[in-house]
């Protein structure tokens, strides 16, 4: 019973990290997800003047990677957790001071941005926590410029450890299901990218074009 309660607590912390436990989760995320963060950034083909958005940036590692490639544009991010906003701002303090990175608290279904302002957008390991994935994808499409690219990286249902998703995480999909959700949200093209066979992680990405 104690083990089950601990697992439930940790699952809730992954959705919205808070306090000291949230800071522990942030350090764990930064270590665990480094390979798929780098891979996701590579799929974006970021240009120096791009405006890039990450939804659910966690400890800000991928934000840092993106900002290293954006010298004339902007990297923006929203995260549901105030703790993660603080952690990510500290990690990216220099870029924040320089005006190249902007991080704030927000939700995927209500992005605090105007229409058609980002060239690229991405999100990593957030899909499982979206209660309204269709609305979140419509919001991402809204803030992207025409022909803008979205990369959504996640662990697909058929790759979940043990073959079954955790009881506390309901939003587990196949790659084709996510591609269909993107098309239904209005993206003109969506396809699954599984990456190189030798990659050191199980995650896949669905890439969509507005």
N, C-alpha and C. Protein backbone atom coordinates (compact mmCIF):
# COMPACT_ATOMS: atom_id res chain seq x y z
N UNK A 1 0.83 -1.21 0.00
CA UNK A 1 0.00 0.00 0.00
C UNK A 1 0.86 1.26 0.00
N UNK A 2 1.94 1.24 0.81
CA UNK A 2 2.84 2.39 0.85
C UNK A 2 3.51 2.61 -0.50
N UNK A 3 3.92 1.51 -1.15
CA UNK A 3 4.55 1.61 -2.47
C UNK A 3 3.59 2.21 -3.49
N UNK A 4 2.32 1.76 -3.44
CA UNK A 4 1.30 2.28 -4.37
C UNK A 4 1.07 3.76 -4.15
N UNK A 5 1.01 4.16 -2.88
CA UNK A 5 0.80 5.58 -2.56
C UNK A 5 1.97 6.43 -3.05
N UNK A 6 3.20 5.89 -2.89
CA UNK A 6 4.38 6.62 -3.35
C UNK A 6 4.36 6.78 -4.87
N UNK A 7 4.00 5.71 -5.58
CA UNK A 7 3.94 5.78 -7.05
C UNK A 7 2.88 6.78 -7.51
N UNK A 8 1.74 6.81 -6.82
CA UNK A 8 0.69 7.77 -7.17
C UNK A 8 1.17 9.20 -6.95
N UNK A 9 1.90 9.42 -5.83
CA UNK A 9 2.43 10.75 -5.53
C UNK A 9 3.44 11.18 -6.59
N UNK A 10 4.34 10.28 -6.96
CA UNK A 10 5.35 10.61 -7.96
C UNK A 10 4.71 10.90 -9.31
N UNK A 11 3.66 10.14 -9.65
CA UNK A 11 2.96 10.39 -10.92
C UNK A 11 2.35 11.77 -10.93
N UNK A 12 1.76 12.19 -9.80
CA UNK A 12 1.18 13.53 -9.72
C UNK A 12 2.27 14.59 -9.81
N UNK A 13 3.45 14.30 -9.28
CA UNK A 13 4.55 15.24 -9.35
C UNK A 13 5.07 15.41 -10.78
N UNK A 14 5.04 14.34 -11.56
CA UNK A 14 5.46 14.47 -12.95
C UNK A 14 4.50 15.36 -13.72
N UNK A 15 3.22 15.34 -13.36
CA UNK A 15 2.25 16.19 -14.05
C UNK A 15 2.44 17.65 -13.66
N UNK A 16 2.61 17.89 -12.36
CA UNK A 16 2.80 19.26 -11.89
C UNK A 16 3.78 19.25 -10.72
N UNK A 17 5.07 19.25 -11.00
CA UNK A 17 6.07 19.21 -9.93
C UNK A 17 5.93 20.41 -9.00
N UNK A 18 6.02 20.13 -7.69
CA UNK A 18 5.79 21.17 -6.69
C UNK A 18 6.79 21.02 -5.55
N UNK A 19 7.31 22.16 -5.08
CA UNK A 19 8.13 22.16 -3.88
C UNK A 19 9.41 21.36 -4.00
N UNK A 20 9.87 20.81 -2.86
CA UNK A 20 11.11 20.05 -2.83
C UNK A 20 11.03 18.79 -3.67
N UNK A 21 9.87 18.11 -3.61
CA UNK A 21 9.69 16.92 -4.44
C UNK A 21 9.77 17.29 -5.92
N UNK A 22 9.21 18.43 -6.26
CA UNK A 22 9.25 18.89 -7.65
C UNK A 22 10.66 19.17 -8.11
N UNK A 23 11.49 19.71 -7.23
CA UNK A 23 12.88 19.97 -7.58
C UNK A 23 13.65 18.67 -7.78
N UNK A 24 13.31 17.65 -6.98
CA UNK A 24 13.91 16.33 -7.19
C UNK A 24 13.50 15.77 -8.55
N UNK A 25 12.21 15.90 -8.88
CA UNK A 25 11.71 15.43 -10.18
C UNK A 25 12.41 16.18 -11.31
N UNK A 26 12.65 17.48 -11.13
CA UNK A 26 13.32 18.27 -12.16
C UNK A 26 14.71 17.74 -12.45
N UNK A 27 15.46 17.42 -11.39
CA UNK A 27 16.82 16.88 -11.58
C UNK A 27 16.75 15.51 -12.27
N UNK A 28 15.76 14.72 -11.89
CA UNK A 28 15.60 13.40 -12.49
C UNK A 28 15.25 13.52 -13.98
N UNK A 29 14.34 14.43 -14.29
CA UNK A 29 13.97 14.66 -15.69
C UNK A 29 15.17 15.09 -16.52
N UNK A 30 15.95 16.01 -15.97
CA UNK A 30 17.11 16.53 -16.70
C UNK A 30 18.08 15.42 -17.08
N UNK A 31 18.26 14.46 -16.17
CA UNK A 31 19.17 13.34 -16.46
C UNK A 31 18.53 12.34 -17.42
N UNK A 32 17.30 11.95 -17.14
CA UNK A 32 16.65 10.87 -17.88
C UNK A 32 16.38 11.20 -19.34
N UNK A 33 15.98 12.44 -19.60
CA UNK A 33 15.44 12.77 -20.92
C UNK A 33 16.41 13.51 -21.83
N UNK A 34 17.68 13.54 -21.46
CA UNK A 34 18.67 14.25 -22.28
C UNK A 34 18.71 13.74 -23.73
N UNK A 35 18.74 12.42 -23.98
CA UNK A 35 18.85 11.96 -25.37
C UNK A 35 17.66 12.34 -26.24
N UNK A 36 16.43 12.13 -25.74
CA UNK A 36 15.27 12.47 -26.57
C UNK A 36 15.07 13.98 -26.69
N UNK A 37 15.55 14.74 -25.69
CA UNK A 37 15.54 16.20 -25.84
C UNK A 37 16.38 16.62 -27.04
N UNK A 38 17.61 16.11 -27.10
CA UNK A 38 18.52 16.47 -28.20
C UNK A 38 17.96 16.02 -29.54
N UNK A 39 17.39 14.82 -29.58
CA UNK A 39 16.81 14.31 -30.83
C UNK A 39 15.65 15.17 -31.29
N UNK A 40 14.77 15.55 -30.37
CA UNK A 40 13.63 16.39 -30.72
C UNK A 40 14.09 17.72 -31.29
N UNK A 41 15.08 18.34 -30.65
CA UNK A 41 15.60 19.61 -31.16
C UNK A 41 16.16 19.44 -32.56
N UNK A 42 16.81 18.31 -32.84
CA UNK A 42 17.37 18.09 -34.17
C UNK A 42 16.27 17.99 -35.23
N UNK A 43 15.11 17.45 -34.85
CA UNK A 43 14.01 17.32 -35.81
C UNK A 43 13.41 18.67 -36.19
N UNK A 44 13.61 19.67 -35.37
CA UNK A 44 13.03 20.99 -35.64
C UNK A 44 13.79 21.76 -36.72
N UNK A 45 15.05 21.40 -36.97
CA UNK A 45 15.91 22.14 -37.91
C UNK A 45 15.82 23.66 -37.64
N UNK A 46 16.16 24.03 -36.43
CA UNK A 46 16.05 25.42 -35.99
C UNK A 46 17.04 26.30 -36.73
N UNK A 47 16.57 27.49 -37.13
CA UNK A 47 17.39 28.50 -37.78
C UNK A 47 17.65 29.65 -36.80
N UNK A 48 18.74 30.42 -37.00
CA UNK A 48 19.12 31.45 -36.03
C UNK A 48 18.04 32.48 -35.72
N UNK A 49 17.19 32.81 -36.70
CA UNK A 49 16.17 33.84 -36.49
C UNK A 49 14.80 33.27 -36.15
N UNK A 50 14.71 31.98 -35.93
CA UNK A 50 13.41 31.36 -35.64
C UNK A 50 12.84 31.82 -34.30
N UNK A 51 11.51 31.78 -34.24
CA UNK A 51 10.79 31.91 -32.98
C UNK A 51 10.26 30.52 -32.64
N UNK A 52 10.68 30.00 -31.49
CA UNK A 52 10.43 28.60 -31.13
C UNK A 52 9.67 28.55 -29.80
N UNK A 53 8.71 27.64 -29.72
CA UNK A 53 7.91 27.47 -28.50
C UNK A 53 8.02 26.05 -27.99
N UNK A 54 8.23 25.90 -26.68
CA UNK A 54 8.10 24.59 -26.04
C UNK A 54 6.96 24.63 -25.04
N UNK A 55 6.09 23.63 -25.10
CA UNK A 55 5.01 23.48 -24.14
C UNK A 55 5.40 22.38 -23.16
N UNK A 56 5.42 22.71 -21.87
CA UNK A 56 5.82 21.75 -20.86
C UNK A 56 7.32 21.58 -20.81
N UNK A 57 8.04 22.65 -20.51
CA UNK A 57 9.51 22.61 -20.63
C UNK A 57 10.22 21.98 -19.44
N UNK A 58 9.51 21.69 -18.36
CA UNK A 58 10.13 21.03 -17.22
C UNK A 58 11.33 21.78 -16.70
N UNK A 59 12.48 21.11 -16.51
CA UNK A 59 13.66 21.79 -15.97
C UNK A 59 14.37 22.71 -16.96
N UNK A 60 13.89 22.79 -18.19
CA UNK A 60 14.43 23.76 -19.15
C UNK A 60 15.64 23.31 -19.93
N UNK A 61 15.90 21.99 -19.96
CA UNK A 61 17.06 21.47 -20.69
C UNK A 61 16.89 21.66 -22.20
N UNK A 62 15.73 21.29 -22.74
CA UNK A 62 15.50 21.46 -24.18
C UNK A 62 15.43 22.93 -24.56
N UNK A 63 14.90 23.76 -23.67
CA UNK A 63 14.91 25.21 -23.90
C UNK A 63 16.34 25.69 -24.09
N UNK A 64 17.23 25.22 -23.24
CA UNK A 64 18.64 25.60 -23.31
C UNK A 64 19.26 25.15 -24.64
N UNK A 65 18.93 23.93 -25.07
CA UNK A 65 19.44 23.43 -26.35
C UNK A 65 18.93 24.27 -27.52
N UNK A 66 17.65 24.60 -27.49
CA UNK A 66 17.08 25.41 -28.57
C UNK A 66 17.69 26.80 -28.58
N UNK A 67 17.85 27.39 -27.40
CA UNK A 67 18.38 28.75 -27.32
C UNK A 67 19.81 28.84 -27.85
N UNK A 68 20.56 27.74 -27.75
CA UNK A 68 21.93 27.73 -28.27
C UNK A 68 21.95 27.86 -29.79
N UNK A 69 20.83 27.56 -30.44
CA UNK A 69 20.75 27.64 -31.90
C UNK A 69 20.02 28.89 -32.39
N UNK A 70 19.42 29.63 -31.47
CA UNK A 70 18.65 30.82 -31.84
C UNK A 70 19.40 32.06 -31.37
N UNK A 71 20.09 32.70 -32.28
CA UNK A 71 20.89 33.88 -31.93
C UNK A 71 20.16 35.19 -32.21
N UNK A 72 19.20 35.16 -33.13
CA UNK A 72 18.49 36.39 -33.51
C UNK A 72 16.99 36.32 -33.24
N UNK A 73 16.48 35.16 -32.91
CA UNK A 73 15.05 34.99 -32.70
C UNK A 73 14.69 34.91 -31.23
N UNK A 74 13.78 33.99 -30.90
CA UNK A 74 13.29 33.87 -29.52
C UNK A 74 12.90 32.43 -29.24
N UNK A 75 13.20 31.98 -28.03
CA UNK A 75 12.70 30.70 -27.54
C UNK A 75 11.77 31.00 -26.38
N UNK A 76 10.51 30.60 -26.52
CA UNK A 76 9.51 30.83 -25.48
C UNK A 76 9.03 29.49 -24.94
N UNK A 77 8.50 29.52 -23.73
CA UNK A 77 8.00 28.28 -23.15
C UNK A 77 6.91 28.53 -22.14
N UNK A 78 6.01 27.56 -22.02
CA UNK A 78 5.00 27.58 -20.96
C UNK A 78 5.06 26.22 -20.24
N UNK A 79 4.82 26.27 -18.95
CA UNK A 79 4.75 25.04 -18.15
C UNK A 79 3.70 25.23 -17.07
N UNK A 80 3.02 24.13 -16.76
CA UNK A 80 1.92 24.15 -15.80
C UNK A 80 2.41 24.34 -14.37
N UNK A 81 3.68 24.03 -14.10
CA UNK A 81 4.22 24.03 -12.75
C UNK A 81 5.03 25.29 -12.45
N UNK A 82 4.64 26.06 -11.42
CA UNK A 82 5.46 27.21 -11.02
C UNK A 82 6.87 26.79 -10.60
N UNK A 83 7.00 25.60 -10.00
CA UNK A 83 8.32 25.12 -9.61
C UNK A 83 9.21 24.93 -10.83
N UNK A 84 8.67 24.35 -11.90
CA UNK A 84 9.45 24.14 -13.11
C UNK A 84 9.81 25.48 -13.77
N UNK A 85 8.91 26.45 -13.70
CA UNK A 85 9.22 27.77 -14.26
C UNK A 85 10.44 28.35 -13.55
N UNK A 86 10.47 28.24 -12.22
CA UNK A 86 11.60 28.76 -11.45
C UNK A 86 12.89 28.02 -11.78
N UNK A 87 12.82 26.69 -11.83
CA UNK A 87 14.00 25.88 -12.13
C UNK A 87 14.54 26.20 -13.52
N UNK A 88 13.65 26.26 -14.51
CA UNK A 88 14.07 26.52 -15.89
C UNK A 88 14.62 27.93 -16.07
N UNK A 89 14.05 28.89 -15.35
CA UNK A 89 14.58 30.26 -15.44
C UNK A 89 15.99 30.33 -14.88
N UNK A 90 16.25 29.61 -13.81
CA UNK A 90 17.62 29.59 -13.26
C UNK A 90 18.57 28.94 -14.25
N UNK A 91 18.16 27.83 -14.86
CA UNK A 91 19.02 27.14 -15.82
C UNK A 91 19.33 28.03 -17.02
N UNK A 92 18.39 28.85 -17.44
CA UNK A 92 18.54 29.68 -18.64
C UNK A 92 18.67 31.16 -18.29
N UNK A 93 19.21 31.47 -17.13
CA UNK A 93 19.23 32.84 -16.62
C UNK A 93 19.88 33.82 -17.58
N UNK A 94 21.00 33.45 -18.16
CA UNK A 94 21.71 34.38 -19.04
C UNK A 94 20.88 34.69 -20.28
N UNK A 95 20.28 33.67 -20.89
CA UNK A 95 19.46 33.89 -22.09
C UNK A 95 18.19 34.66 -21.76
N UNK A 96 17.64 34.43 -20.56
CA UNK A 96 16.46 35.19 -20.14
C UNK A 96 16.83 36.67 -20.01
N UNK A 97 17.96 36.96 -19.36
CA UNK A 97 18.39 38.36 -19.21
C UNK A 97 18.65 39.01 -20.55
N UNK A 98 19.13 38.23 -21.51
CA UNK A 98 19.44 38.77 -22.84
C UNK A 98 18.19 38.94 -23.70
N UNK A 99 17.05 38.45 -23.23
CA UNK A 99 15.80 38.58 -23.99
C UNK A 99 15.64 37.53 -25.07
N UNK A 100 16.48 36.49 -25.05
CA UNK A 100 16.37 35.44 -26.07
C UNK A 100 15.49 34.28 -25.62
N UNK A 101 15.18 34.23 -24.32
CA UNK A 101 14.31 33.19 -23.77
C UNK A 101 13.26 33.84 -22.88
N UNK A 102 12.00 33.42 -23.06
CA UNK A 102 10.90 33.88 -22.22
C UNK A 102 10.14 32.66 -21.71
N UNK A 103 10.04 32.52 -20.39
CA UNK A 103 9.38 31.37 -19.79
C UNK A 103 8.29 31.85 -18.84
N UNK A 104 7.14 31.19 -18.92
CA UNK A 104 6.04 31.57 -18.05
C UNK A 104 5.15 30.38 -17.74
N UNK A 105 4.33 30.54 -16.72
CA UNK A 105 3.38 29.50 -16.37
C UNK A 105 2.21 29.57 -17.35
N UNK A 106 1.74 28.41 -17.78
CA UNK A 106 0.61 28.38 -18.71
C UNK A 106 0.17 26.95 -18.97
N UNK A 107 -0.92 26.82 -19.71
CA UNK A 107 -1.48 25.51 -20.02
C UNK A 107 -1.54 25.32 -21.53
N UNK A 108 -1.42 24.08 -21.95
CA UNK A 108 -1.42 23.76 -23.38
C UNK A 108 -2.73 24.14 -24.05
N UNK A 109 -3.82 24.11 -23.32
CA UNK A 109 -5.13 24.40 -23.93
C UNK A 109 -5.45 25.89 -23.96
N UNK A 110 -4.60 26.72 -23.33
CA UNK A 110 -4.82 28.17 -23.35
C UNK A 110 -3.46 28.86 -23.43
N UNK A 111 -2.83 28.81 -24.58
CA UNK A 111 -1.50 29.38 -24.73
C UNK A 111 -1.58 30.91 -24.74
N UNK A 112 -0.73 31.58 -23.96
CA UNK A 112 -0.80 33.04 -23.83
C UNK A 112 -0.05 33.78 -24.93
N UNK A 113 -0.35 33.44 -26.18
CA UNK A 113 0.35 34.03 -27.32
C UNK A 113 -0.66 34.38 -28.42
N UNK A 114 -0.27 35.33 -29.27
CA UNK A 114 -1.09 35.72 -30.40
C UNK A 114 -1.03 34.65 -31.49
N UNK A 115 -1.88 34.78 -32.49
CA UNK A 115 -1.90 33.85 -33.61
C UNK A 115 -0.65 34.01 -34.48
N UNK A 116 -0.21 32.91 -35.06
CA UNK A 116 0.78 32.93 -36.16
C UNK A 116 2.10 33.62 -35.80
N UNK A 117 2.68 33.30 -34.65
CA UNK A 117 3.92 34.01 -34.28
C UNK A 117 5.14 33.10 -34.14
N UNK A 118 4.96 31.78 -34.15
CA UNK A 118 6.10 30.88 -33.98
C UNK A 118 6.39 30.10 -35.27
N UNK A 119 7.68 29.93 -35.54
CA UNK A 119 8.10 29.12 -36.69
C UNK A 119 8.09 27.63 -36.36
N UNK A 120 8.44 27.31 -35.12
CA UNK A 120 8.56 25.92 -34.68
C UNK A 120 7.95 25.80 -33.29
N UNK A 121 7.42 24.63 -32.98
CA UNK A 121 6.93 24.34 -31.64
C UNK A 121 7.21 22.88 -31.33
N UNK A 122 7.41 22.59 -30.06
CA UNK A 122 7.64 21.20 -29.68
C UNK A 122 7.18 20.95 -28.25
N UNK A 123 6.97 19.68 -27.95
CA UNK A 123 6.60 19.27 -26.60
C UNK A 123 7.07 17.84 -26.40
N UNK A 124 7.59 17.56 -25.21
CA UNK A 124 8.22 16.27 -24.92
C UNK A 124 7.62 15.70 -23.64
N UNK A 125 7.07 14.51 -23.72
CA UNK A 125 6.52 13.82 -22.54
C UNK A 125 5.43 14.63 -21.83
N UNK A 126 4.59 15.32 -22.59
CA UNK A 126 3.47 16.03 -21.96
C UNK A 126 2.12 15.47 -22.39
N UNK A 127 2.07 14.78 -23.50
CA UNK A 127 0.81 14.29 -24.07
C UNK A 127 -0.01 13.50 -23.07
N UNK A 128 0.65 12.70 -22.23
CA UNK A 128 -0.05 11.83 -21.29
C UNK A 128 -0.90 12.61 -20.30
N UNK A 129 -0.57 13.86 -20.08
CA UNK A 129 -1.23 14.66 -19.06
C UNK A 129 -2.27 15.63 -19.64
N UNK A 130 -2.44 15.64 -20.95
CA UNK A 130 -3.41 16.53 -21.57
C UNK A 130 -4.81 15.94 -21.45
N UNK A 131 -5.69 16.65 -20.73
CA UNK A 131 -7.07 16.18 -20.61
C UNK A 131 -7.85 16.41 -21.90
N UNK A 132 -7.44 17.41 -22.67
CA UNK A 132 -8.11 17.73 -23.93
C UNK A 132 -7.06 17.85 -25.04
N UNK A 133 -6.55 16.73 -25.52
CA UNK A 133 -5.46 16.78 -26.51
C UNK A 133 -5.84 17.49 -27.80
N UNK A 134 -7.09 17.34 -28.24
CA UNK A 134 -7.51 18.02 -29.46
C UNK A 134 -7.43 19.52 -29.32
N UNK A 135 -7.87 20.05 -28.19
CA UNK A 135 -7.82 21.49 -27.96
C UNK A 135 -6.38 21.98 -27.85
N UNK A 136 -5.53 21.20 -27.18
CA UNK A 136 -4.12 21.58 -27.06
C UNK A 136 -3.46 21.65 -28.44
N UNK A 137 -3.75 20.69 -29.30
CA UNK A 137 -3.17 20.70 -30.64
C UNK A 137 -3.71 21.85 -31.47
N UNK A 138 -4.98 22.19 -31.30
CA UNK A 138 -5.53 23.35 -32.00
C UNK A 138 -4.85 24.64 -31.55
N UNK A 139 -4.55 24.73 -30.25
CA UNK A 139 -3.84 25.90 -29.74
C UNK A 139 -2.43 25.98 -30.32
N UNK A 140 -1.75 24.86 -30.37
CA UNK A 140 -0.41 24.85 -30.96
C UNK A 140 -0.46 25.26 -32.43
N UNK A 141 -1.45 24.77 -33.14
CA UNK A 141 -1.60 25.16 -34.55
C UNK A 141 -1.90 26.67 -34.66
N UNK A 142 -2.70 27.18 -33.76
CA UNK A 142 -3.08 28.61 -33.80
C UNK A 142 -1.85 29.51 -33.69
N UNK A 143 -0.92 29.17 -32.80
CA UNK A 143 0.21 30.08 -32.58
C UNK A 143 1.33 29.88 -33.58
N UNK A 144 1.27 28.80 -34.37
CA UNK A 144 2.28 28.58 -35.40
C UNK A 144 1.98 29.42 -36.65
N UNK A 145 3.05 29.85 -37.31
CA UNK A 145 2.91 30.53 -38.60
C UNK A 145 2.50 29.51 -39.67
N UNK A 146 1.94 29.96 -40.78
CA UNK A 146 1.68 29.05 -41.90
C UNK A 146 2.97 28.29 -42.28
N UNK A 147 2.85 26.99 -42.48
CA UNK A 147 3.97 26.09 -42.77
C UNK A 147 4.86 25.85 -41.55
N UNK A 148 4.42 26.32 -40.37
CA UNK A 148 5.17 26.07 -39.16
C UNK A 148 5.19 24.59 -38.79
N UNK A 149 6.22 24.19 -38.06
CA UNK A 149 6.42 22.77 -37.73
C UNK A 149 6.19 22.51 -36.25
N UNK A 150 5.49 21.41 -35.96
CA UNK A 150 5.29 20.94 -34.60
C UNK A 150 5.91 19.56 -34.46
N UNK A 151 6.69 19.35 -33.39
CA UNK A 151 7.24 18.03 -33.07
C UNK A 151 6.75 17.64 -31.68
N UNK A 152 6.07 16.50 -31.62
CA UNK A 152 5.53 16.00 -30.37
C UNK A 152 6.19 14.65 -30.07
N UNK A 153 7.01 14.63 -29.03
CA UNK A 153 7.78 13.43 -28.67
C UNK A 153 7.16 12.77 -27.45
N UNK A 154 7.00 11.45 -27.51
CA UNK A 154 6.34 10.74 -26.41
C UNK A 154 6.67 9.26 -26.48
N UNK A 155 6.26 8.54 -25.44
CA UNK A 155 6.43 7.09 -25.40
C UNK A 155 5.12 6.46 -25.86
N UNK A 156 5.16 5.79 -27.00
CA UNK A 156 3.95 5.22 -27.59
C UNK A 156 3.47 4.01 -26.80
N UNK A 157 2.20 3.70 -26.97
CA UNK A 157 1.56 2.63 -26.21
C UNK A 157 2.31 1.30 -26.35
N UNK A 158 2.72 0.96 -27.57
CA UNK A 158 3.35 -0.34 -27.79
C UNK A 158 4.78 -0.41 -27.26
N UNK A 159 5.31 0.72 -26.75
CA UNK A 159 6.67 0.72 -26.20
C UNK A 159 6.69 0.92 -24.70
N UNK A 160 5.49 0.97 -24.09
CA UNK A 160 5.41 1.25 -22.66
C UNK A 160 6.00 0.09 -21.87
N UNK A 161 6.78 0.37 -20.81
CA UNK A 161 7.39 -0.71 -20.02
C UNK A 161 6.34 -1.69 -19.50
N UNK A 162 6.59 -2.96 -19.69
CA UNK A 162 5.67 -3.97 -19.22
C UNK A 162 4.48 -4.18 -20.13
N UNK A 163 4.38 -3.37 -21.17
CA UNK A 163 3.29 -3.52 -22.12
C UNK A 163 2.02 -2.80 -21.76
N UNK A 164 1.93 -2.25 -20.55
CA UNK A 164 0.72 -1.55 -20.12
C UNK A 164 1.10 -0.21 -19.51
N UNK A 165 0.34 0.85 -19.80
CA UNK A 165 0.61 2.15 -19.17
C UNK A 165 0.25 2.13 -17.69
N UNK A 166 0.90 2.98 -16.92
CA UNK A 166 0.58 3.09 -15.51
C UNK A 166 -0.88 3.51 -15.34
N UNK A 167 -1.52 3.04 -14.27
CA UNK A 167 -2.93 3.33 -14.06
C UNK A 167 -3.18 4.83 -13.91
N UNK A 168 -2.19 5.55 -13.41
CA UNK A 168 -2.37 6.98 -13.17
C UNK A 168 -2.18 7.81 -14.42
N UNK A 169 -1.77 7.20 -15.53
CA UNK A 169 -1.54 7.94 -16.77
C UNK A 169 -2.46 7.40 -17.85
N UNK A 170 -3.44 8.19 -18.24
CA UNK A 170 -4.45 7.71 -19.18
C UNK A 170 -4.13 8.03 -20.64
N UNK A 171 -3.41 9.13 -20.88
CA UNK A 171 -3.22 9.61 -22.25
C UNK A 171 -2.09 8.94 -22.99
N UNK A 172 -2.21 7.65 -23.23
CA UNK A 172 -1.18 6.90 -23.92
C UNK A 172 -1.71 6.48 -25.29
N UNK A 173 -0.96 6.80 -26.35
CA UNK A 173 -1.43 6.62 -27.72
C UNK A 173 -0.38 5.91 -28.57
N UNK A 174 -0.81 5.43 -29.71
CA UNK A 174 0.13 4.99 -30.73
C UNK A 174 0.55 6.21 -31.55
N UNK A 175 1.61 6.07 -32.32
CA UNK A 175 2.04 7.16 -33.18
C UNK A 175 0.98 7.54 -34.19
N UNK A 176 0.33 6.55 -34.81
CA UNK A 176 -0.69 6.83 -35.81
C UNK A 176 -1.91 7.52 -35.21
N UNK A 177 -2.24 7.18 -33.96
CA UNK A 177 -3.36 7.86 -33.30
C UNK A 177 -3.06 9.34 -33.09
N UNK A 178 -1.82 9.64 -32.71
CA UNK A 178 -1.44 11.04 -32.52
C UNK A 178 -1.41 11.77 -33.86
N UNK A 179 -0.91 11.13 -34.90
CA UNK A 179 -0.91 11.76 -36.22
C UNK A 179 -2.34 12.08 -36.66
N UNK A 180 -3.28 11.18 -36.37
CA UNK A 180 -4.67 11.44 -36.72
C UNK A 180 -5.24 12.60 -35.89
N UNK A 181 -4.90 12.67 -34.62
CA UNK A 181 -5.34 13.80 -33.79
C UNK A 181 -4.83 15.12 -34.36
N UNK A 182 -3.61 15.11 -34.87
CA UNK A 182 -3.04 16.33 -35.45
C UNK A 182 -3.79 16.73 -36.72
N UNK A 183 -4.09 15.76 -37.55
CA UNK A 183 -4.85 16.08 -38.77
C UNK A 183 -6.23 16.61 -38.42
N UNK A 184 -6.86 16.02 -37.42
CA UNK A 184 -8.18 16.50 -36.99
C UNK A 184 -8.11 17.91 -36.41
N UNK A 185 -6.94 18.28 -35.86
CA UNK A 185 -6.76 19.63 -35.32
C UNK A 185 -6.46 20.65 -36.40
N UNK A 186 -6.30 20.19 -37.66
CA UNK A 186 -6.12 21.11 -38.77
C UNK A 186 -4.75 21.13 -39.40
N UNK A 187 -3.82 20.32 -38.90
CA UNK A 187 -2.50 20.27 -39.54
C UNK A 187 -2.63 19.59 -40.90
N UNK A 188 -1.92 20.11 -41.90
CA UNK A 188 -2.07 19.59 -43.26
C UNK A 188 -1.30 18.31 -43.48
N UNK A 189 -0.28 18.07 -42.66
CA UNK A 189 0.52 16.87 -42.81
C UNK A 189 1.04 16.44 -41.44
N UNK A 190 1.00 15.15 -41.17
CA UNK A 190 1.52 14.62 -39.90
C UNK A 190 2.07 13.23 -40.15
N UNK A 191 3.27 12.98 -39.65
CA UNK A 191 3.88 11.67 -39.86
C UNK A 191 4.69 11.25 -38.64
N UNK A 192 4.89 9.96 -38.49
CA UNK A 192 5.62 9.40 -37.35
C UNK A 192 7.10 9.26 -37.70
N UNK A 193 7.96 9.72 -36.81
CA UNK A 193 9.41 9.56 -36.95
C UNK A 193 9.90 8.74 -35.77
N UNK A 194 10.42 7.54 -36.04
CA UNK A 194 10.90 6.67 -34.97
C UNK A 194 12.39 6.85 -34.70
N UNK A 195 13.06 7.63 -35.52
CA UNK A 195 14.48 7.88 -35.30
C UNK A 195 15.35 6.71 -35.68
N UNK A 196 16.64 6.84 -35.49
CA UNK A 196 17.57 5.75 -35.85
C UNK A 196 17.38 4.54 -34.94
N UNK A 197 17.60 3.37 -35.49
CA UNK A 197 17.42 2.14 -34.71
C UNK A 197 18.34 2.08 -33.50
N UNK A 198 19.50 2.68 -33.60
CA UNK A 198 20.47 2.59 -32.51
C UNK A 198 20.27 3.65 -31.43
N UNK A 199 19.20 4.43 -31.50
CA UNK A 199 19.00 5.49 -30.51
C UNK A 199 18.85 4.89 -29.10
N UNK A 200 19.33 5.61 -28.07
CA UNK A 200 19.35 5.07 -26.71
C UNK A 200 18.06 5.34 -25.93
N UNK A 201 16.93 5.39 -26.59
CA UNK A 201 15.65 5.63 -25.91
C UNK A 201 14.53 5.06 -26.76
N UNK A 202 13.36 4.84 -26.13
CA UNK A 202 12.23 4.19 -26.81
C UNK A 202 11.25 5.17 -27.45
N UNK A 203 11.35 6.45 -27.13
CA UNK A 203 10.37 7.43 -27.57
C UNK A 203 10.31 7.58 -29.09
N UNK A 204 9.15 7.98 -29.58
CA UNK A 204 8.97 8.35 -30.98
C UNK A 204 8.50 9.79 -31.05
N UNK A 205 8.46 10.34 -32.24
CA UNK A 205 7.95 11.70 -32.43
C UNK A 205 6.93 11.71 -33.55
N UNK A 206 5.94 12.55 -33.42
CA UNK A 206 5.04 12.82 -34.53
C UNK A 206 5.28 14.26 -34.97
N UNK A 207 5.59 14.43 -36.24
CA UNK A 207 5.93 15.73 -36.81
C UNK A 207 4.75 16.19 -37.66
N UNK A 208 4.32 17.43 -37.44
CA UNK A 208 3.18 17.97 -38.17
C UNK A 208 3.52 19.33 -38.75
N UNK A 209 2.89 19.64 -39.89
CA UNK A 209 3.09 20.93 -40.55
C UNK A 209 1.74 21.66 -40.64
N UNK A 210 1.74 22.93 -40.29
CA UNK A 210 0.51 23.72 -40.36
C UNK A 210 0.19 24.06 -41.80
